[in-house]
Amino acid sequence: AGGSLRLSCAASGRAFSSYAIGWFRQAPGKEREFVSTISRSGGGTAY
């Protein structure tokens, strides 16, 4: 607790810059929940 991690999401395929990306998480016994999202340009983010 109090520490840090950096997650990476590496994509293969065409036109990665055309995709918006979201991060979600799922704890045991819970539904998958929204964490963060970023627009295809990187100019829009939400948490």
ModelCIF file with pLDDT and N, C-alpha, C, O atoms, coordinates in Angstrom:
data_MODEL
#
_entry.id   MODEL 
#
_entity.id                         1 
_entity.type                       polymer 
_entity.pdbx_number_of_molecules   1 
#
_entity_poly.entity_id                      1 
_entity_poly.type                           'polypeptide(L)' 
_entity_poly.nstd_linkage                   no 
_entity_poly.nstd_monomer                   no 
_entity_poly.pdbx_seq_one_letter_code       AGGSLRLSCAASGRAFSSYAIGWFRQAPGKEREFVSTISRSGGGTAY 
_entity_poly.pdbx_seq_one_letter_code_can   AGGSLRLSCAASGRAFSSYAIGWFRQAPGKEREFVSTISRSGGGTAY 
_entity_poly.pdbx_strand_id                 A 
#
loop_
_entity_poly_seq.entity_id 
_entity_poly_seq.num 
_entity_poly_seq.mon_id 
_entity_poly_seq.hetero 
1 1  ALA n 
1 2  GLY n 
1 3  GLY n 
1 4  SER n 
1 5  LEU n 
1 6  ARG n 
1 7  LEU n 
1 8  SER n 
1 9  CYS n 
1 10 ALA n 
1 11 ALA n 
1 12 SER n 
1 13 GLY n 
1 14 ARG n 
1 15 ALA n 
1 16 PHE n 
1 17 SER n 
1 18 SER n 
1 19 TYR n 
1 20 ALA n 
1 21 ILE n 
1 22 GLY n 
1 23 TRP n 
1 24 PHE n 
1 25 ARG n 
1 26 GLN n 
1 27 ALA n 
1 28 PRO n 
1 29 GLY n 
1 30 LYS n 
1 31 GLU n 
1 32 ARG n 
1 33 GLU n 
1 34 PHE n 
1 35 VAL n 
1 36 SER n 
1 37 THR n 
1 38 ILE n 
1 39 SER n 
1 40 ARG n 
1 41 SER n 
1 42 GLY n 
1 43 GLY n 
1 44 GLY n 
1 45 THR n 
1 46 ALA n 
1 47 TYR n 
#
_struct_asym.id          A 
_struct_asym.entity_id   1 
#
loop_
_ma_qa_metric.id 
_ma_qa_metric.mode 
_ma_qa_metric.name 
_ma_qa_metric.software_group_id 
_ma_qa_metric.type 
1 global pLDDT . pLDDT 
2 local  pLDDT . pLDDT 
#
_ma_qa_metric_global.metric_id      1 
_ma_qa_metric_global.metric_value   96.04 
_ma_qa_metric_global.model_id       1 
_ma_qa_metric_global.ordinal_id     1 
#
loop_
_ma_qa_metric_local.label_asym_id 
_ma_qa_metric_local.label_comp_id 
_ma_qa_metric_local.label_seq_id 
_ma_qa_metric_local.metric_id 
_ma_qa_metric_local.metric_value 
_ma_qa_metric_local.model_id 
_ma_qa_metric_local.ordinal_id 
A ALA 1  2 98.00 1 1  
A GLY 2  2 98.00 1 2  
A GLY 3  2 98.00 1 3  
A SER 4  2 98.00 1 4  
A LEU 5  2 98.00 1 5  
A ARG 6  2 98.00 1 6  
A LEU 7  2 98.00 1 7  
A SER 8  2 98.00 1 8  
A CYS 9  2 98.00 1 9  
A ALA 10 2 98.00 1 10 
A ALA 11 2 97.00 1 11 
A SER 12 2 94.00 1 12 
A GLY 13 2 80.00 1 13 
A ARG 14 2 78.00 1 14 
A ALA 15 2 91.00 1 15 
A PHE 16 2 93.00 1 16 
A SER 17 2 94.00 1 17 
A SER 18 2 95.00 1 18 
A TYR 19 2 96.00 1 19 
A ALA 20 2 97.00 1 20 
A ILE 21 2 98.00 1 21 
A GLY 22 2 98.00 1 22 
A TRP 23 2 98.00 1 23 
A PHE 24 2 98.00 1 24 
A ARG 25 2 98.00 1 25 
A GLN 26 2 98.00 1 26 
A ALA 27 2 97.00 1 27 
A PRO 28 2 93.00 1 28 
A GLY 29 2 95.00 1 29 
A LYS 30 2 97.00 1 30 
A GLU 31 2 97.00 1 31 
A ARG 32 2 98.00 1 32 
A GLU 33 2 98.00 1 33 
A PHE 34 2 98.00 1 34 
A VAL 35 2 98.00 1 35 
A SER 36 2 98.00 1 36 
A THR 37 2 98.00 1 37 
A ILE 38 2 98.00 1 38 
A SER 39 2 97.00 1 39 
A ARG 40 2 96.00 1 40 
A SER 41 2 94.00 1 41 
A GLY 42 2 95.00 1 42 
A GLY 43 2 95.00 1 43 
A GLY 44 2 96.00 1 44 
A THR 45 2 97.00 1 45 
A ALA 46 2 98.00 1 46 
A TYR 47 2 98.00 1 47 
#
loop_
_atom_site.group_PDB 
_atom_site.id 
_atom_site.type_symbol 
_atom_site.label_atom_id 
_atom_site.label_alt_id 
_atom_site.label_comp_id 
_atom_site.label_asym_id 
_atom_site.label_entity_id 
_atom_site.label_seq_id 
_atom_site.pdbx_PDB_ins_code 
_atom_site.Cartn_x 
_atom_site.Cartn_y 
_atom_site.Cartn_z 
_atom_site.occupancy 
_atom_site.B_iso_or_equiv 
_atom_site.pdbx_formal_charge 
_atom_site.auth_seq_id 
_atom_site.auth_comp_id 
_atom_site.auth_asym_id 
_atom_site.auth_atom_id 
_atom_site.pdbx_PDB_model_num 
ATOM 1   N N  . ALA A 1 1  ? 0.841   -1.192  0.000   1.00 98.00 ? 1  ALA A N  1 
ATOM 2   C CA . ALA A 1 1  ? 0.000   0.000   0.000   1.00 98.00 ? 1  ALA A CA 1 
ATOM 3   C C  . ALA A 1 1  ? 0.884   1.253   0.000   1.00 98.00 ? 1  ALA A C  1 
ATOM 4   O O  . ALA A 1 1  ? 1.885   1.331   0.711   1.00 98.00 ? 1  ALA A O  1 
ATOM 5   N N  . GLY A 1 2  ? 0.482   2.219   -0.816  1.00 98.00 ? 2  GLY A N  1 
ATOM 6   C CA . GLY A 1 2  ? 1.275   3.431   -0.976  1.00 98.00 ? 2  GLY A CA 1 
ATOM 7   C C  . GLY A 1 2  ? 2.278   3.373   -2.109  1.00 98.00 ? 2  GLY A C  1 
ATOM 8   O O  . GLY A 1 2  ? 2.865   4.388   -2.483  1.00 98.00 ? 2  GLY A O  1 
ATOM 9   N N  . GLY A 1 3  ? 2.471   2.191   -2.649  1.00 98.00 ? 3  GLY A N  1 
ATOM 10  C CA . GLY A 1 3  ? 3.433   2.021   -3.736  1.00 98.00 ? 3  GLY A CA 1 
ATOM 11  C C  . GLY A 1 3  ? 2.847   2.366   -5.088  1.00 98.00 ? 3  GLY A C  1 
ATOM 12  O O  . GLY A 1 3  ? 1.716   2.838   -5.200  1.00 98.00 ? 3  GLY A O  1 
ATOM 13  N N  . SER A 1 4  ? 3.655   2.113   -6.121  1.00 98.00 ? 4  SER A N  1 
ATOM 14  C CA . SER A 1 4  ? 3.277   2.470   -7.492  1.00 98.00 ? 4  SER A CA 1 
ATOM 15  C C  . SER A 1 4  ? 3.521   1.313   -8.437  1.00 98.00 ? 4  SER A C  1 
ATOM 16  O O  . SER A 1 4  ? 4.389   0.472   -8.207  1.00 98.00 ? 4  SER A O  1 
ATOM 17  N N  . LEU A 1 5  ? 2.745   1.285   -9.499  1.00 98.00 ? 5  LEU A N  1 
ATOM 18  C CA . LEU A 1 5  ? 2.948   0.380   -10.621 1.00 98.00 ? 5  LEU A CA 1 
ATOM 19  C C  . LEU A 1 5  ? 2.589   1.123   -11.895 1.00 98.00 ? 5  LEU A C  1 
ATOM 20  O O  . LEU A 1 5  ? 1.777   2.048   -11.884 1.00 98.00 ? 5  LEU A O  1 
ATOM 21  N N  . ARG A 1 6  ? 3.206   0.704   -12.994 1.00 98.00 ? 6  ARG A N  1 
ATOM 22  C CA . ARG A 1 6  ? 2.810   1.223   -14.294 1.00 98.00 ? 6  ARG A CA 1 
ATOM 23  C C  . ARG A 1 6  ? 2.392   0.069   -15.179 1.00 98.00 ? 6  ARG A C  1 
ATOM 24  O O  . ARG A 1 6  ? 3.190   -0.814  -15.493 1.00 98.00 ? 6  ARG A O  1 
ATOM 25  N N  . LEU A 1 7  ? 1.153   0.088   -15.572 1.00 98.00 ? 7  LEU A N  1 
ATOM 26  C CA . LEU A 1 7  ? 0.642   -0.921  -16.485 1.00 98.00 ? 7  LEU A CA 1 
ATOM 27  C C  . LEU A 1 7  ? 0.816   -0.451  -17.923 1.00 98.00 ? 7  LEU A C  1 
ATOM 28  O O  . LEU A 1 7  ? 0.733   0.742   -18.218 1.00 98.00 ? 7  LEU A O  1 
ATOM 29  N N  . SER A 1 8  ? 1.057   -1.403  -18.807 1.00 98.00 ? 8  SER A N  1 
ATOM 30  C CA . SER A 1 8  ? 1.159   -1.119  -20.229 1.00 98.00 ? 8  SER A CA 1 
ATOM 31  C C  . SER A 1 8  ? 0.134   -1.948  -20.986 1.00 98.00 ? 8  SER A C  1 
ATOM 32  O O  . SER A 1 8  ? -0.173  -3.081  -20.616 1.00 98.00 ? 8  SER A O  1 
ATOM 33  N N  . CYS A 1 9  ? -0.373  -1.371  -22.027 1.00 98.00 ? 9  CYS A N  1 
ATOM 34  C CA . CYS A 1 9  ? -1.301  -2.064  -22.926 1.00 98.00 ? 9  CYS A CA 1 
ATOM 35  C C  . CYS A 1 9  ? -0.716  -1.916  -24.327 1.00 98.00 ? 9  CYS A C  1 
ATOM 36  O O  . CYS A 1 9  ? -0.797  -0.851  -24.938 1.00 98.00 ? 9  CYS A O  1 
ATOM 37  N N  . ALA A 1 10 ? -0.131  -2.994  -24.821 1.00 98.00 ? 10 ALA A N  1 
ATOM 38  C CA . ALA A 1 10 ? 0.506   -2.967  -26.134 1.00 98.00 ? 10 ALA A CA 1 
ATOM 39  C C  . ALA A 1 10 ? -0.443  -3.521  -27.176 1.00 98.00 ? 10 ALA A C  1 
ATOM 40  O O  . ALA A 1 10 ? -1.056  -4.571  -26.985 1.00 98.00 ? 10 ALA A O  1 
ATOM 41  N N  . ALA A 1 11 ? -0.554  -2.810  -28.268 1.00 97.00 ? 11 ALA A N  1 
ATOM 42  C CA . ALA A 1 11 ? -1.496  -3.195  -29.308 1.00 97.00 ? 11 ALA A CA 1 
ATOM 43  C C  . ALA A 1 11 ? -0.775  -3.603  -30.580 1.00 97.00 ? 11 ALA A C  1 
ATOM 44  O O  . ALA A 1 11 ? 0.241   -3.017  -30.953 1.00 97.00 ? 11 ALA A O  1 
ATOM 45  N N  . SER A 1 12 ? -1.307  -4.601  -31.228 1.00 94.00 ? 12 SER A N  1 
ATOM 46  C CA . SER A 1 12 ? -0.843  -4.965  -32.564 1.00 94.00 ? 12 SER A CA 1 
ATOM 47  C C  . SER A 1 12 ? -2.030  -4.892  -33.505 1.00 94.00 ? 12 SER A C  1 
ATOM 48  O O  . SER A 1 12 ? -3.182  -4.974  -33.080 1.00 94.00 ? 12 SER A O  1 
ATOM 49  N N  . GLY A 1 13 ? -1.744  -4.740  -34.754 1.00 80.00 ? 13 GLY A N  1 
ATOM 50  C CA . GLY A 1 13 ? -2.832  -4.564  -35.700 1.00 80.00 ? 13 GLY A CA 1 
ATOM 51  C C  . GLY A 1 13 ? -2.731  -3.201  -36.341 1.00 80.00 ? 13 GLY A C  1 
ATOM 52  O O  . GLY A 1 13 ? -1.754  -2.477  -36.150 1.00 80.00 ? 13 GLY A O  1 
ATOM 53  N N  . ARG A 1 14 ? -3.727  -2.868  -37.086 1.00 78.00 ? 14 ARG A N  1 
ATOM 54  C CA . ARG A 1 14 ? -3.674  -1.659  -37.874 1.00 78.00 ? 14 ARG A CA 1 
ATOM 55  C C  . ARG A 1 14 ? -4.276  -0.462  -37.176 1.00 78.00 ? 14 ARG A C  1 
ATOM 56  O O  . ARG A 1 14 ? -5.210  -0.586  -36.383 1.00 78.00 ? 14 ARG A O  1 
ATOM 57  N N  . ALA A 1 15 ? -3.726  0.700   -37.482 1.00 91.00 ? 15 ALA A N  1 
ATOM 58  C CA . ALA A 1 15 ? -4.348  1.984   -37.129 1.00 91.00 ? 15 ALA A CA 1 
ATOM 59  C C  . ALA A 1 15 ? -4.650  2.123   -35.641 1.00 91.00 ? 15 ALA A C  1 
ATOM 60  O O  . ALA A 1 15 ? -5.769  2.466   -35.261 1.00 91.00 ? 15 ALA A O  1 
ATOM 61  N N  . PHE A 1 16 ? -3.667  1.861   -34.813 1.00 93.00 ? 16 PHE A N  1 
ATOM 62  C CA . PHE A 1 16 ? -3.861  1.989   -33.360 1.00 93.00 ? 16 PHE A CA 1 
ATOM 63  C C  . PHE A 1 16 ? -4.351  3.380   -32.995 1.00 93.00 ? 16 PHE A C  1 
ATOM 64  O O  . PHE A 1 16 ? -5.146  3.534   -32.068 1.00 93.00 ? 16 PHE A O  1 
ATOM 65  N N  . SER A 1 17 ? -3.890  4.384   -33.707 1.00 94.00 ? 17 SER A N  1 
ATOM 66  C CA . SER A 1 17 ? -4.265  5.764   -33.381 1.00 94.00 ? 17 SER A CA 1 
ATOM 67  C C  . SER A 1 17 ? -5.725  6.070   -33.704 1.00 94.00 ? 17 SER A C  1 
ATOM 68  O O  . SER A 1 17 ? -6.190  7.179   -33.440 1.00 94.00 ? 17 SER A O  1 
ATOM 69  N N  . SER A 1 18 ? -6.445  5.125   -34.260 1.00 95.00 ? 18 SER A N  1 
ATOM 70  C CA . SER A 1 18 ? -7.878  5.298   -34.517 1.00 95.00 ? 18 SER A CA 1 
ATOM 71  C C  . SER A 1 18 ? -8.734  4.807   -33.357 1.00 95.00 ? 18 SER A C  1 
ATOM 72  O O  . SER A 1 18 ? -9.955  4.964   -33.372 1.00 95.00 ? 18 SER A O  1 
ATOM 73  N N  . TYR A 1 19 ? -8.094  4.210   -32.346 1.00 96.00 ? 19 TYR A N  1 
ATOM 74  C CA . TYR A 1 19 ? -8.830  3.568   -31.262 1.00 96.00 ? 19 TYR A CA 1 
ATOM 75  C C  . TYR A 1 19 ? -8.755  4.361   -29.971 1.00 96.00 ? 19 TYR A C  1 
ATOM 76  O O  . TYR A 1 19 ? -7.686  4.814   -29.560 1.00 96.00 ? 19 TYR A O  1 
ATOM 77  N N  . ALA A 1 20 ? -9.901  4.520   -29.343 1.00 97.00 ? 20 ALA A N  1 
ATOM 78  C CA . ALA A 1 20 ? -9.921  4.948   -27.948 1.00 97.00 ? 20 ALA A CA 1 
ATOM 79  C C  . ALA A 1 20 ? -9.643  3.718   -27.091 1.00 97.00 ? 20 ALA A C  1 
ATOM 80  O O  . ALA A 1 20 ? -10.015 2.599   -27.446 1.00 97.00 ? 20 ALA A O  1 
ATOM 81  N N  . ILE A 1 21 ? -8.987  3.941   -25.964 1.00 98.00 ? 21 ILE A N  1 
ATOM 82  C CA . ILE A 1 21 ? -8.585  2.850   -25.075 1.00 98.00 ? 21 ILE A CA 1 
ATOM 83  C C  . ILE A 1 21 ? -9.173  3.069   -23.692 1.00 98.00 ? 21 ILE A C  1 
ATOM 84  O O  . ILE A 1 21 ? -9.207  4.191   -23.187 1.00 98.00 ? 21 ILE A O  1 
ATOM 85  N N  . GLY A 1 22 ? -9.626  2.000   -23.096 1.00 98.00 ? 22 GLY A N  1 
ATOM 86  C CA . GLY A 1 22 ? -10.113 2.068   -21.721 1.00 98.00 ? 22 GLY A CA 1 
ATOM 87  C C  . GLY A 1 22 ? -9.394  1.062   -20.845 1.00 98.00 ? 22 GLY A C  1 
ATOM 88  O O  . GLY A 1 22 ? -8.971  0.004   -21.311 1.00 98.00 ? 22 GLY A O  1 
ATOM 89  N N  . TRP A 1 23 ? -9.261  1.398   -19.586 1.00 98.00 ? 23 TRP A N  1 
ATOM 90  C CA . TRP A 1 23 ? -8.779  0.463   -18.564 1.00 98.00 ? 23 TRP A CA 1 
ATOM 91  C C  . TRP A 1 23 ? -9.957  0.130   -17.648 1.00 98.00 ? 23 TRP A C  1 
ATOM 92  O O  . TRP A 1 23 ? -10.704 1.008   -17.217 1.00 98.00 ? 23 TRP A O  1 
ATOM 93  N N  . PHE A 1 24 ? -10.094 -1.141  -17.373 1.00 98.00 ? 24 PHE A N  1 
ATOM 94  C CA . PHE A 1 24 ? -11.129 -1.645  -16.467 1.00 98.00 ? 24 PHE A CA 1 
ATOM 95  C C  . PHE A 1 24 ? -10.470 -2.590  -15.478 1.00 98.00 ? 24 PHE A C  1 
ATOM 96  O O  . PHE A 1 24 ? -9.357  -3.065  -15.702 1.00 98.00 ? 24 PHE A O  1 
ATOM 97  N N  . ARG A 1 25 ? -11.161 -2.857  -14.391 1.00 98.00 ? 25 ARG A N  1 
ATOM 98  C CA . ARG A 1 25 ? -10.633 -3.822  -13.437 1.00 98.00 ? 25 ARG A CA 1 
ATOM 99  C C  . ARG A 1 25 ? -11.765 -4.657  -12.870 1.00 98.00 ? 25 ARG A C  1 
ATOM 100 O O  . ARG A 1 25 ? -12.924 -4.245  -12.833 1.00 98.00 ? 25 ARG A O  1 
ATOM 101 N N  . GLN A 1 26 ? -11.381 -5.846  -12.430 1.00 98.00 ? 26 GLN A N  1 
ATOM 102 C CA . GLN A 1 26 ? -12.361 -6.759  -11.861 1.00 98.00 ? 26 GLN A CA 1 
ATOM 103 C C  . GLN A 1 26 ? -11.753 -7.471  -10.668 1.00 98.00 ? 26 GLN A C  1 
ATOM 104 O O  . GLN A 1 26 ? -10.769 -8.201  -10.789 1.00 98.00 ? 26 GLN A O  1 
ATOM 105 N N  . ALA A 1 27 ? -12.354 -7.245  -9.525  1.00 97.00 ? 27 ALA A N  1 
ATOM 106 C CA . ALA A 1 27 ? -11.952 -7.918  -8.303  1.00 97.00 ? 27 ALA A CA 1 
ATOM 107 C C  . ALA A 1 27 ? -12.792 -9.179  -8.132  1.00 97.00 ? 27 ALA A C  1 
ATOM 108 O O  . ALA A 1 27 ? -13.883 -9.272  -8.695  1.00 97.00 ? 27 ALA A O  1 
ATOM 109 N N  . PRO A 1 28 ? -12.300 -10.149 -7.364  1.00 93.00 ? 28 PRO A N  1 
ATOM 110 C CA . PRO A 1 28 ? -13.057 -11.394 -7.181  1.00 93.00 ? 28 PRO A CA 1 
ATOM 111 C C  . PRO A 1 28 ? -14.464 -11.134 -6.652  1.00 93.00 ? 28 PRO A C  1 
ATOM 112 O O  . PRO A 1 28 ? -14.647 -10.408 -5.675  1.00 93.00 ? 28 PRO A O  1 
ATOM 113 N N  . GLY A 1 29 ? -15.448 -11.730 -7.306  1.00 95.00 ? 29 GLY A N  1 
ATOM 114 C CA . GLY A 1 29 ? -16.825 -11.600 -6.871  1.00 95.00 ? 29 GLY A CA 1 
ATOM 115 C C  . GLY A 1 29 ? -17.487 -10.289 -7.227  1.00 95.00 ? 29 GLY A C  1 
ATOM 116 O O  . GLY A 1 29 ? -18.625 -10.037 -6.831  1.00 95.00 ? 29 GLY A O  1 
ATOM 117 N N  . LYS A 1 30 ? -16.786 -9.452  -7.972  1.00 97.00 ? 30 LYS A N  1 
ATOM 118 C CA . LYS A 1 30 ? -17.344 -8.148  -8.339  1.00 97.00 ? 30 LYS A CA 1 
ATOM 119 C C  . LYS A 1 30 ? -17.420 -8.020  -9.854  1.00 97.00 ? 30 LYS A C  1 
ATOM 120 O O  . LYS A 1 30 ? -16.768 -8.752  -10.598 1.00 97.00 ? 30 LYS A O  1 
ATOM 121 N N  . GLU A 1 31 ? -18.232 -7.070  -10.280 1.00 97.00 ? 31 GLU A N  1 
ATOM 122 C CA . GLU A 1 31 ? -18.343 -6.817  -11.707 1.00 97.00 ? 31 GLU A CA 1 
ATOM 123 C C  . GLU A 1 31 ? -17.128 -6.025  -12.197 1.00 97.00 ? 31 GLU A C  1 
ATOM 124 O O  . GLU A 1 31 ? -16.447 -5.343  -11.430 1.00 97.00 ? 31 GLU A O  1 
ATOM 125 N N  . ARG A 1 32 ? -16.886 -6.142  -13.497 1.00 98.00 ? 32 ARG A N  1 
ATOM 126 C CA . ARG A 1 32 ? -15.812 -5.368  -14.096 1.00 98.00 ? 32 ARG A CA 1 
ATOM 127 C C  . ARG A 1 32 ? -16.200 -3.894  -14.071 1.00 98.00 ? 32 ARG A C  1 
ATOM 128 O O  . ARG A 1 32 ? -17.312 -3.532  -14.457 1.00 98.00 ? 32 ARG A O  1 
ATOM 129 N N  . GLU A 1 33 ? -15.280 -3.049  -13.617 1.00 98.00 ? 33 GLU A N  1 
ATOM 130 C CA . GLU A 1 33 ? -15.598 -1.638  -13.461 1.00 98.00 ? 33 GLU A CA 1 
ATOM 131 C C  . GLU A 1 33 ? -14.630 -0.751  -14.223 1.00 98.00 ? 33 GLU A C  1 
ATOM 132 O O  . GLU A 1 33 ? -13.474 -1.111  -14.447 1.00 98.00 ? 33 GLU A O  1 
ATOM 133 N N  . PHE A 1 34 ? -15.112 0.385   -14.606 1.00 98.00 ? 34 PHE A N  1 
ATOM 134 C CA . PHE A 1 34 ? -14.336 1.379   -15.327 1.00 98.00 ? 34 PHE A CA 1 
ATOM 135 C C  . PHE A 1 34 ? -13.265 1.978   -14.418 1.00 98.00 ? 34 PHE A C  1 
ATOM 136 O O  . PHE A 1 34 ? -13.507 2.259   -13.244 1.00 98.00 ? 34 PHE A O  1 
ATOM 137 N N  . VAL A 1 35 ? -12.075 2.165   -14.990 1.00 98.00 ? 35 VAL A N  1 
ATOM 138 C CA . VAL A 1 35 ? -10.986 2.814   -14.274 1.00 98.00 ? 35 VAL A CA 1 
ATOM 139 C C  . VAL A 1 35 ? -10.600 4.129   -14.961 1.00 98.00 ? 35 VAL A C  1 
ATOM 140 O O  . VAL A 1 35 ? -10.564 5.183   -14.327 1.00 98.00 ? 35 VAL A O  1 
ATOM 141 N N  . SER A 1 36 ? -10.313 4.053   -16.263 1.00 98.00 ? 36 SER A N  1 
ATOM 142 C CA . SER A 1 36 ? -9.838  5.239   -16.973 1.00 98.00 ? 36 SER A CA 1 
ATOM 143 C C  . SER A 1 36 ? -9.989  5.013   -18.469 1.00 98.00 ? 36 SER A C  1 
ATOM 144 O O  . SER A 1 36 ? -10.101 3.879   -18.934 1.00 98.00 ? 36 SER A O  1 
ATOM 145 N N  . THR A 1 37 ? -9.990  6.117   -19.214 1.00 98.00 ? 37 THR A N  1 
ATOM 146 C CA . THR A 1 37 ? -10.099 6.029   -20.661 1.00 98.00 ? 37 THR A CA 1 
ATOM 147 C C  . THR A 1 37 ? -9.338  7.185   -21.295 1.00 98.00 ? 37 THR A C  1 
ATOM 148 O O  . THR A 1 37 ? -9.168  8.242   -20.687 1.00 98.00 ? 37 THR A O  1 
ATOM 149 N N  . ILE A 1 38 ? -8.886  6.970   -22.521 1.00 98.00 ? 38 ILE A N  1 
ATOM 150 C CA . ILE A 1 38 ? -8.151  7.992   -23.240 1.00 98.00 ? 38 ILE A CA 1 
ATOM 151 C C  . ILE A 1 38 ? -8.597  7.994   -24.698 1.00 98.00 ? 38 ILE A C  1 
ATOM 152 O O  . ILE A 1 38 ? -8.834  6.942   -25.293 1.00 98.00 ? 38 ILE A O  1 
ATOM 153 N N  . SER A 1 39 ? -8.706  9.186   -25.258 1.00 97.00 ? 39 SER A N  1 
ATOM 154 C CA . SER A 1 39 ? -9.133  9.322   -26.642 1.00 97.00 ? 39 SER A CA 1 
ATOM 155 C C  . SER A 1 39 ? -8.029  8.872   -27.584 1.00 97.00 ? 39 SER A C  1 
ATOM 156 O O  . SER A 1 39 ? -6.895  8.645   -27.162 1.00 97.00 ? 39 SER A O  1 
ATOM 157 N N  . ARG A 1 40 ? -8.360  8.748   -28.840 1.00 96.00 ? 40 ARG A N  1 
ATOM 158 C CA . ARG A 1 40 ? -7.378  8.249   -29.791 1.00 96.00 ? 40 ARG A CA 1 
ATOM 159 C C  . ARG A 1 40 ? -6.207  9.208   -29.957 1.00 96.00 ? 40 ARG A C  1 
ATOM 160 O O  . ARG A 1 40 ? -5.093  8.780   -30.255 1.00 96.00 ? 40 ARG A O  1 
ATOM 161 N N  . SER A 1 41 ? -6.449  10.494  -29.768 1.00 94.00 ? 41 SER A N  1 
ATOM 162 C CA . SER A 1 41 ? -5.390  11.497  -29.881 1.00 94.00 ? 41 SER A CA 1 
ATOM 163 C C  . SER A 1 41 ? -4.588  11.643  -28.598 1.00 94.00 ? 41 SER A C  1 
ATOM 164 O O  . SER A 1 41 ? -3.483  12.186  -28.599 1.00 94.00 ? 41 SER A O  1 
ATOM 165 N N  . GLY A 1 42 ? -5.159  11.152  -27.505 1.00 95.00 ? 42 GLY A N  1 
ATOM 166 C CA . GLY A 1 42 ? -4.552  11.368  -26.194 1.00 95.00 ? 42 GLY A CA 1 
ATOM 167 C C  . GLY A 1 42 ? -4.977  12.662  -25.535 1.00 95.00 ? 42 GLY A C  1 
ATOM 168 O O  . GLY A 1 42 ? -4.619  12.924  -24.387 1.00 95.00 ? 42 GLY A O  1 
ATOM 169 N N  . GLY A 1 43 ? -5.744  13.480  -26.257 1.00 95.00 ? 43 GLY A N  1 
ATOM 170 C CA . GLY A 1 43 ? -6.126  14.774  -25.723 1.00 95.00 ? 43 GLY A CA 1 
ATOM 171 C C  . GLY A 1 43 ? -7.300  14.747  -24.766 1.00 95.00 ? 43 GLY A C  1 
ATOM 172 O O  . GLY A 1 43 ? -7.557  15.721  -24.058 1.00 95.00 ? 43 GLY A O  1 
ATOM 173 N N  . GLY A 1 44 ? -8.006  13.639  -24.747 1.00 96.00 ? 44 GLY A N  1 
ATOM 174 C CA . GLY A 1 44 ? -9.136  13.502  -23.837 1.00 96.00 ? 44 GLY A CA 1 
ATOM 175 C C  . GLY A 1 44 ? -8.939  12.324  -22.911 1.00 96.00 ? 44 GLY A C  1 
ATOM 176 O O  . GLY A 1 44 ? -8.628  11.221  -23.360 1.00 96.00 ? 44 GLY A O  1 
ATOM 177 N N  . THR A 1 45 ? -9.116  12.549  -21.618 1.00 97.00 ? 45 THR A N  1 
ATOM 178 C CA . THR A 1 45 ? -8.974  11.471  -20.640 1.00 97.00 ? 45 THR A CA 1 
ATOM 179 C C  . THR A 1 45 ? -10.082 11.584  -19.601 1.00 97.00 ? 45 THR A C  1 
ATOM 180 O O  . THR A 1 45 ? -10.666 12.651  -19.410 1.00 97.00 ? 45 THR A O  1 
ATOM 181 N N  . ALA A 1 46 ? -10.357 10.487  -18.942 1.00 98.00 ? 46 ALA A N  1 
ATOM 182 C CA . ALA A 1 46 ? -11.342 10.479  -17.864 1.00 98.00 ? 46 ALA A CA 1 
ATOM 183 C C  . ALA A 1 46 ? -10.971 9.373   -16.881 1.00 98.00 ? 46 ALA A C  1 
ATOM 184 O O  . ALA A 1 46 ? -10.307 8.398   -17.231 1.00 98.00 ? 46 ALA A O  1 
ATOM 185 N N  . TYR A 1 47 ? -11.425 9.558   -15.632 1.00 98.00 ? 47 TYR A N  1 
ATOM 186 C CA . TYR A 1 47 ? -11.077 8.629   -14.564 1.00 98.00 ? 47 TYR A CA 1 
ATOM 187 C C  . TYR A 1 47 ? -12.295 8.338   -13.693 1.00 98.00 ? 47 TYR A C  1 
ATOM 188 O O  . TYR A 1 47 ? -12.200 7.572   -12.734 1.00 98.00 ? 47 TYR A O  1 
#
